[in-house]
């Protein structure tokens, strides 16, 4: 997939997430949403990349490697 196609698809996929963020009423809601998103992201990464791939992505993110 071309970079522009990937970026367009990512923008499309993030729209429902941004909608959920807008529906949060306060900081507590935002933190709950962030926690459940992290849980689901971990599950998705492990299913798609395996435990080692998941670990690599999360460590990179924790070290500021993702932008």
N, C-alpha and C. Protein backbone atom coordinates (compact mmCIF):
# COMPACT_ATOMS: atom_id res chain seq x y z
N UNK A 1 0.83 -1.18 0.00
CA UNK A 1 0.00 0.00 0.00
C UNK A 1 0.89 1.25 0.00
N UNK A 2 0.53 2.23 -0.78
CA UNK A 2 1.28 3.48 -0.82
C UNK A 2 1.11 4.22 0.50
N UNK A 3 2.11 5.05 0.84
CA UNK A 3 2.06 5.81 2.09
C UNK A 3 0.80 6.66 2.19
N UNK A 4 0.43 7.33 1.10
CA UNK A 4 -0.76 8.18 1.15
C UNK A 4 -2.01 7.35 1.36
N UNK A 5 -2.06 6.17 0.77
CA UNK A 5 -3.21 5.29 0.96
C UNK A 5 -3.29 4.81 2.40
N UNK A 6 -2.16 4.47 2.97
CA UNK A 6 -2.10 4.04 4.37
C UNK A 6 -2.54 5.19 5.28
N UNK A 7 -2.04 6.37 5.04
CA UNK A 7 -2.41 7.53 5.86
C UNK A 7 -3.90 7.82 5.76
N UNK A 8 -4.45 7.74 4.55
CA UNK A 8 -5.89 7.97 4.37
C UNK A 8 -6.70 6.93 5.13
N UNK A 9 -6.28 5.69 5.04
CA UNK A 9 -6.99 4.60 5.74
C UNK A 9 -6.90 4.78 7.25
N UNK A 10 -5.73 5.19 7.73
CA UNK A 10 -5.57 5.41 9.17
C UNK A 10 -6.47 6.55 9.65
N UNK A 11 -6.58 7.61 8.85
CA UNK A 11 -7.49 8.71 9.19
C UNK A 11 -8.93 8.22 9.28
N UNK A 12 -9.31 7.36 8.38
CA UNK A 12 -10.66 6.80 8.37
C UNK A 12 -10.90 5.93 9.61
N UNK A 13 -9.92 5.10 9.94
CA UNK A 13 -10.07 4.20 11.08
C UNK A 13 -10.09 4.92 12.42
N UNK A 14 -9.44 6.06 12.51
CA UNK A 14 -9.37 6.77 13.79
C UNK A 14 -10.62 7.62 14.06
N UNK A 15 -11.44 7.84 13.05
CA UNK A 15 -12.63 8.68 13.24
C UNK A 15 -13.54 8.20 14.37
N UNK A 16 -13.87 6.91 14.46
CA UNK A 16 -14.72 6.49 15.58
C UNK A 16 -14.05 6.69 16.94
N UNK A 17 -12.74 6.56 16.99
CA UNK A 17 -12.02 6.78 18.24
C UNK A 17 -12.11 8.25 18.63
N UNK A 18 -11.91 9.13 17.67
CA UNK A 18 -12.02 10.57 17.95
C UNK A 18 -13.43 10.93 18.40
N UNK A 19 -14.43 10.27 17.83
CA UNK A 19 -15.82 10.49 18.26
C UNK A 19 -15.99 10.08 19.71
N UNK A 20 -15.43 8.95 20.09
CA UNK A 20 -15.52 8.50 21.48
C UNK A 20 -14.84 9.48 22.43
N UNK A 21 -13.71 10.02 22.01
CA UNK A 21 -13.00 11.00 22.84
C UNK A 21 -13.87 12.23 23.05
N UNK A 22 -14.53 12.69 21.99
CA UNK A 22 -15.41 13.86 22.12
C UNK A 22 -16.59 13.59 23.05
N UNK A 23 -16.99 12.34 23.17
CA UNK A 23 -18.12 12.00 24.03
C UNK A 23 -17.74 11.88 25.50
N UNK A 24 -16.46 11.86 25.79
CA UNK A 24 -16.02 11.79 27.19
C UNK A 24 -16.40 13.09 27.91
N UNK A 25 -16.92 12.92 29.11
CA UNK A 25 -17.40 14.07 29.86
C UNK A 25 -16.34 14.71 30.73
N UNK A 26 -15.34 13.95 31.14
CA UNK A 26 -14.33 14.50 32.03
C UNK A 26 -13.04 13.68 31.92
N UNK A 27 -12.07 14.06 32.73
CA UNK A 27 -10.78 13.39 32.71
C UNK A 27 -10.86 11.92 33.08
N UNK A 28 -11.78 11.60 33.98
CA UNK A 28 -11.94 10.20 34.39
C UNK A 28 -12.41 9.35 33.20
N UNK A 29 -13.38 9.87 32.45
CA UNK A 29 -13.83 9.17 31.25
C UNK A 29 -12.68 8.98 30.27
N UNK A 30 -11.87 10.02 30.09
CA UNK A 30 -10.74 9.94 29.16
C UNK A 30 -9.75 8.87 29.60
N UNK A 31 -9.47 8.80 30.90
CA UNK A 31 -8.54 7.78 31.40
C UNK A 31 -9.11 6.37 31.23
N UNK A 32 -10.41 6.21 31.49
CA UNK A 32 -11.02 4.90 31.28
C UNK A 32 -10.94 4.49 29.82
N UNK A 33 -11.23 5.42 28.92
CA UNK A 33 -11.14 5.13 27.49
C UNK A 33 -9.71 4.77 27.11
N UNK A 34 -8.74 5.53 27.61
CA UNK A 34 -7.34 5.25 27.29
C UNK A 34 -6.94 3.86 27.77
N UNK A 35 -7.38 3.48 28.96
CA UNK A 35 -7.02 2.16 29.49
C UNK A 35 -7.62 1.03 28.67
N UNK A 36 -8.89 1.17 28.31
CA UNK A 36 -9.51 0.11 27.52
C UNK A 36 -8.90 0.05 26.11
N UNK A 37 -8.52 1.20 25.57
CA UNK A 37 -7.87 1.22 24.26
C UNK A 37 -6.51 0.53 24.33
N UNK A 38 -5.76 0.74 25.41
CA UNK A 38 -4.47 0.06 25.58
C UNK A 38 -4.65 -1.45 25.67
N UNK A 39 -5.68 -1.88 26.40
CA UNK A 39 -5.94 -3.32 26.50
C UNK A 39 -6.24 -3.91 25.13
N UNK A 40 -7.09 -3.24 24.39
CA UNK A 40 -7.46 -3.75 23.06
C UNK A 40 -6.27 -3.67 22.09
N UNK A 41 -5.50 -2.60 22.18
CA UNK A 41 -4.33 -2.47 21.30
C UNK A 41 -3.35 -3.61 21.57
N UNK A 42 -3.13 -3.93 22.83
CA UNK A 42 -2.23 -5.03 23.17
C UNK A 42 -2.71 -6.34 22.60
N UNK A 43 -4.01 -6.59 22.70
CA UNK A 43 -4.59 -7.81 22.16
C UNK A 43 -4.43 -7.85 20.64
N UNK A 44 -4.75 -6.75 19.98
CA UNK A 44 -4.62 -6.69 18.52
C UNK A 44 -3.18 -6.91 18.08
N UNK A 45 -2.25 -6.25 18.75
CA UNK A 45 -0.83 -6.40 18.39
C UNK A 45 -0.37 -7.84 18.56
N UNK A 46 -0.78 -8.46 19.66
CA UNK A 46 -0.34 -9.83 19.90
C UNK A 46 -0.93 -10.79 18.87
N UNK A 47 -2.19 -10.58 18.50
CA UNK A 47 -2.82 -11.47 17.51
C UNK A 47 -2.21 -11.28 16.12
N UNK A 48 -1.82 -10.06 15.78
CA UNK A 48 -1.29 -9.78 14.45
C UNK A 48 0.21 -10.01 14.34
N UNK A 49 0.95 -9.71 15.42
CA UNK A 49 2.42 -9.74 15.36
C UNK A 49 3.06 -10.79 16.26
N UNK A 50 2.26 -11.40 17.12
CA UNK A 50 2.80 -12.36 18.08
C UNK A 50 3.37 -11.62 19.29
N UNK A 51 3.71 -12.38 20.32
CA UNK A 51 4.21 -11.77 21.56
C UNK A 51 5.47 -10.93 21.37
N UNK A 52 6.40 -11.40 20.53
CA UNK A 52 7.64 -10.65 20.33
C UNK A 52 7.38 -9.35 19.57
N UNK A 53 6.53 -9.40 18.56
CA UNK A 53 6.19 -8.18 17.82
C UNK A 53 5.47 -7.18 18.70
N UNK A 54 4.55 -7.68 19.52
CA UNK A 54 3.84 -6.81 20.46
C UNK A 54 4.84 -6.13 21.40
N UNK A 55 5.74 -6.91 21.95
CA UNK A 55 6.74 -6.37 22.87
C UNK A 55 7.59 -5.30 22.19
N UNK A 56 7.99 -5.57 20.96
CA UNK A 56 8.82 -4.61 20.21
C UNK A 56 8.08 -3.29 20.02
N UNK A 57 6.82 -3.35 19.59
CA UNK A 57 6.03 -2.14 19.35
C UNK A 57 5.82 -1.37 20.66
N UNK A 58 5.42 -2.07 21.72
CA UNK A 58 5.14 -1.38 22.98
C UNK A 58 6.41 -0.79 23.61
N UNK A 59 7.52 -1.50 23.50
CA UNK A 59 8.77 -0.94 24.02
C UNK A 59 9.19 0.29 23.22
N UNK A 60 9.02 0.23 21.92
CA UNK A 60 9.34 1.38 21.07
C UNK A 60 8.46 2.56 21.46
N UNK A 61 7.19 2.32 21.67
CA UNK A 61 6.27 3.40 22.06
C UNK A 61 6.65 3.97 23.42
N UNK A 62 7.00 3.09 24.37
CA UNK A 62 7.37 3.53 25.71
C UNK A 62 8.65 4.36 25.70
N UNK A 63 9.51 4.11 24.73
CA UNK A 63 10.77 4.84 24.63
C UNK A 63 10.68 6.03 23.69
N UNK A 64 9.48 6.40 23.29
CA UNK A 64 9.30 7.56 22.42
C UNK A 64 9.60 7.31 20.98
N UNK A 65 9.65 6.04 20.57
CA UNK A 65 10.01 5.70 19.19
C UNK A 65 8.90 5.83 18.18
N UNK A 66 7.65 5.94 18.64
CA UNK A 66 6.53 6.09 17.71
C UNK A 66 6.11 7.55 17.68
N UNK A 67 5.83 8.04 16.48
CA UNK A 67 5.41 9.44 16.36
C UNK A 67 4.14 9.53 15.60
